[in-house]
């Protein structure tokens, strides 16, 4: 990342933001969507998104044969 100096033009003081956030419409959720914010600003909706597969049961799972590890 480039850390802008005080005398750099405003164009050099921006950071790239990819994808959207929880507050955006579907179009902005695409990873290919790009936007810019100034380096010295922070927003509560800009950061990392963590994803994990659902670790629940399969649709055709038989509860009688399921593991009792969580009971």
N, C-alpha and C. Protein backbone atom coordinates (compact mmCIF):
# COMPACT_ATOMS: atom_id res chain seq x y z
N UNK A 1 0.84 -1.17 0.00
CA UNK A 1 0.00 0.00 0.00
C UNK A 1 0.89 1.24 0.00
N UNK A 2 0.47 2.24 -0.72
CA UNK A 2 1.20 3.50 -0.79
C UNK A 2 0.69 4.43 0.30
N UNK A 3 1.57 4.90 1.15
CA UNK A 3 1.21 5.88 2.17
C UNK A 3 1.47 7.27 1.62
N UNK A 4 0.40 8.00 1.39
CA UNK A 4 0.51 9.32 0.78
C UNK A 4 1.18 10.32 1.72
N UNK A 5 1.92 11.22 1.12
CA UNK A 5 2.54 12.31 1.88
C UNK A 5 1.57 13.49 1.92
N UNK A 6 1.79 14.40 2.85
CA UNK A 6 0.90 15.55 2.99
C UNK A 6 0.82 16.40 1.72
N UNK A 7 1.93 16.50 0.99
CA UNK A 7 1.93 17.35 -0.20
C UNK A 7 1.56 16.60 -1.48
N UNK A 8 1.17 15.33 -1.39
CA UNK A 8 0.70 14.58 -2.57
C UNK A 8 -0.66 15.10 -3.01
N UNK A 9 -0.97 14.98 -4.30
CA UNK A 9 -2.29 15.39 -4.78
C UNK A 9 -3.37 14.47 -4.20
N UNK A 10 -4.61 14.95 -4.12
CA UNK A 10 -5.70 14.16 -3.55
C UNK A 10 -5.87 12.78 -4.20
N UNK A 11 -5.60 12.68 -5.49
CA UNK A 11 -5.72 11.42 -6.20
C UNK A 11 -4.81 10.34 -5.60
N UNK A 12 -3.66 10.73 -5.09
CA UNK A 12 -2.71 9.78 -4.51
C UNK A 12 -3.07 9.39 -3.07
N UNK A 13 -4.05 10.05 -2.49
CA UNK A 13 -4.42 9.79 -1.10
C UNK A 13 -5.64 8.87 -0.97
N UNK A 14 -5.91 8.13 -2.02
CA UNK A 14 -7.06 7.23 -2.02
C UNK A 14 -6.62 5.78 -1.89
N UNK A 15 -7.53 4.96 -1.36
CA UNK A 15 -7.29 3.52 -1.30
C UNK A 15 -8.41 2.82 -2.06
N UNK A 16 -8.09 1.68 -2.62
CA UNK A 16 -9.05 0.90 -3.40
C UNK A 16 -9.89 0.05 -2.46
N UNK A 17 -11.19 0.02 -2.71
CA UNK A 17 -12.11 -0.82 -1.96
C UNK A 17 -12.78 -1.75 -2.95
N UNK A 18 -12.64 -3.06 -2.72
CA UNK A 18 -13.23 -4.06 -3.63
C UNK A 18 -14.46 -4.68 -3.00
N UNK A 19 -15.47 -4.94 -3.83
CA UNK A 19 -16.67 -5.59 -3.34
C UNK A 19 -17.52 -4.63 -2.52
N UNK A 20 -18.56 -5.15 -1.94
CA UNK A 20 -19.47 -4.32 -1.17
C UNK A 20 -19.49 -4.68 0.29
N UNK A 21 -20.50 -4.19 0.96
CA UNK A 21 -20.63 -4.45 2.39
C UNK A 21 -22.07 -4.87 2.69
N UNK A 22 -22.35 -5.06 3.94
CA UNK A 22 -23.68 -5.48 4.38
C UNK A 22 -24.75 -4.44 4.03
N UNK A 23 -24.37 -3.21 3.79
CA UNK A 23 -25.34 -2.15 3.53
C UNK A 23 -25.61 -1.92 2.05
N UNK A 24 -24.90 -2.60 1.17
CA UNK A 24 -25.00 -2.33 -0.26
C UNK A 24 -26.02 -3.22 -0.96
N UNK A 25 -26.46 -2.76 -2.13
CA UNK A 25 -27.32 -3.57 -2.99
C UNK A 25 -26.47 -4.64 -3.67
N UNK A 26 -27.13 -5.61 -4.29
CA UNK A 26 -26.45 -6.78 -4.84
C UNK A 26 -25.33 -6.43 -5.82
N UNK A 27 -25.52 -5.41 -6.63
CA UNK A 27 -24.50 -5.06 -7.63
C UNK A 27 -23.14 -4.82 -6.99
N UNK A 28 -23.13 -4.12 -5.87
CA UNK A 28 -21.86 -3.76 -5.23
C UNK A 28 -21.22 -4.91 -4.47
N UNK A 29 -21.93 -6.02 -4.30
CA UNK A 29 -21.36 -7.17 -3.59
C UNK A 29 -20.41 -7.98 -4.45
N UNK A 30 -20.38 -7.72 -5.72
CA UNK A 30 -19.47 -8.43 -6.62
C UNK A 30 -18.02 -8.03 -6.31
N UNK A 31 -17.12 -9.00 -6.33
CA UNK A 31 -15.71 -8.72 -6.07
C UNK A 31 -15.13 -7.80 -7.14
N UNK A 32 -15.72 -7.82 -8.32
CA UNK A 32 -15.20 -6.99 -9.42
C UNK A 32 -15.57 -5.52 -9.27
N UNK A 33 -16.46 -5.18 -8.36
CA UNK A 33 -16.84 -3.79 -8.14
C UNK A 33 -15.72 -3.06 -7.40
N UNK A 34 -15.35 -1.90 -7.90
CA UNK A 34 -14.27 -1.12 -7.29
C UNK A 34 -14.79 0.25 -6.86
N UNK A 35 -14.27 0.73 -5.76
CA UNK A 35 -14.58 2.08 -5.28
C UNK A 35 -13.33 2.61 -4.59
N UNK A 36 -13.35 3.88 -4.24
CA UNK A 36 -12.20 4.49 -3.59
C UNK A 36 -12.63 5.22 -2.32
N UNK A 37 -11.77 5.21 -1.34
CA UNK A 37 -11.93 5.99 -0.11
C UNK A 37 -10.59 6.64 0.17
N UNK A 38 -10.61 7.71 0.92
CA UNK A 38 -9.36 8.36 1.29
C UNK A 38 -8.65 7.57 2.37
N UNK A 39 -7.31 7.54 2.31
CA UNK A 39 -6.51 6.74 3.22
C UNK A 39 -6.72 7.10 4.69
N UNK A 40 -6.98 8.34 4.97
CA UNK A 40 -7.09 8.76 6.36
C UNK A 40 -8.50 8.63 6.92
N UNK A 41 -9.40 8.02 6.16
CA UNK A 41 -10.77 7.84 6.64
C UNK A 41 -11.05 6.36 6.90
N UNK A 42 -11.92 6.09 7.83
CA UNK A 42 -12.33 4.72 8.10
C UNK A 42 -13.85 4.68 8.11
N UNK A 43 -14.38 3.55 7.76
CA UNK A 43 -15.83 3.35 7.72
C UNK A 43 -16.14 2.05 8.45
N UNK A 44 -17.27 2.01 9.13
CA UNK A 44 -17.65 0.81 9.88
C UNK A 44 -18.02 -0.34 8.95
N UNK A 45 -18.28 -0.06 7.69
CA UNK A 45 -18.71 -1.09 6.76
C UNK A 45 -17.62 -1.52 5.79
N UNK A 46 -16.38 -1.07 6.00
CA UNK A 46 -15.26 -1.49 5.15
C UNK A 46 -14.33 -2.35 5.98
N UNK A 47 -14.03 -3.53 5.48
CA UNK A 47 -13.14 -4.44 6.19
C UNK A 47 -13.11 -5.79 5.50
N UNK A 48 -12.89 -6.83 6.26
CA UNK A 48 -12.81 -8.17 5.71
C UNK A 48 -14.12 -8.91 5.95
N UNK A 49 -14.47 -9.74 5.00
CA UNK A 49 -15.64 -10.60 5.12
C UNK A 49 -15.16 -12.03 5.27
N UNK A 50 -15.55 -12.69 6.32
CA UNK A 50 -15.16 -14.08 6.55
C UNK A 50 -16.34 -14.98 6.23
N UNK A 51 -16.06 -16.08 5.54
CA UNK A 51 -17.11 -17.01 5.14
C UNK A 51 -16.72 -18.40 5.57
N UNK A 52 -17.69 -19.15 6.05
CA UNK A 52 -17.46 -20.54 6.43
C UNK A 52 -18.62 -21.37 5.92
N UNK A 53 -18.32 -22.56 5.44
CA UNK A 53 -19.38 -23.46 5.01
C UNK A 53 -20.27 -23.80 6.18
N UNK A 54 -21.55 -24.03 5.90
CA UNK A 54 -22.48 -24.45 6.93
C UNK A 54 -22.10 -25.84 7.40
N UNK A 55 -21.92 -26.00 8.68
CA UNK A 55 -21.46 -27.28 9.22
C UNK A 55 -22.63 -28.09 9.78
N UNK A 56 -23.83 -27.74 9.39
CA UNK A 56 -25.02 -28.42 9.90
C UNK A 56 -25.24 -29.76 9.23
N UNK A 57 -26.44 -30.23 9.32
CA UNK A 57 -26.76 -31.57 8.83
C UNK A 57 -27.17 -31.54 7.38
N UNK A 58 -27.01 -32.66 6.72
CA UNK A 58 -27.44 -32.83 5.34
C UNK A 58 -28.96 -32.95 5.30
N UNK A 59 -29.57 -32.62 4.17
CA UNK A 59 -31.01 -32.68 4.02
C UNK A 59 -31.52 -34.12 4.19
N UNK A 60 -30.77 -35.09 3.68
CA UNK A 60 -31.21 -36.49 3.75
C UNK A 60 -30.58 -37.23 4.94
N UNK A 61 -30.09 -36.53 5.92
CA UNK A 61 -29.45 -37.12 7.09
C UNK A 61 -30.48 -37.85 7.95
N UNK A 62 -30.09 -38.97 8.50
CA UNK A 62 -30.96 -39.76 9.37
C UNK A 62 -30.65 -39.39 10.82
N UNK A 63 -31.58 -38.72 11.53
CA UNK A 63 -31.28 -38.30 12.91
C UNK A 63 -31.00 -39.46 13.85
N UNK A 64 -31.54 -40.61 13.56
CA UNK A 64 -31.31 -41.77 14.43
C UNK A 64 -29.85 -42.22 14.37
N UNK A 65 -29.19 -41.96 13.25
CA UNK A 65 -27.79 -42.37 13.09
C UNK A 65 -26.81 -41.21 13.27
N UNK A 66 -27.31 -40.04 13.59
CA UNK A 66 -26.46 -38.85 13.72
C UNK A 66 -25.57 -38.96 14.95
N UNK A 67 -24.46 -38.29 14.91
CA UNK A 67 -23.53 -38.26 16.03
C UNK A 67 -24.16 -37.53 17.21
N UNK A 68 -23.87 -37.99 18.39
CA UNK A 68 -24.41 -37.36 19.61
C UNK A 68 -23.36 -36.47 20.27
N UNK A 69 -22.39 -35.98 19.49
CA UNK A 69 -21.29 -35.20 20.04
C UNK A 69 -21.77 -33.92 20.70
N UNK A 70 -22.87 -33.32 20.23
CA UNK A 70 -23.34 -32.05 20.78
C UNK A 70 -24.48 -32.23 21.78
N UNK A 71 -24.83 -33.44 22.12
CA UNK A 71 -25.92 -33.68 23.08
C UNK A 71 -25.41 -33.84 24.47
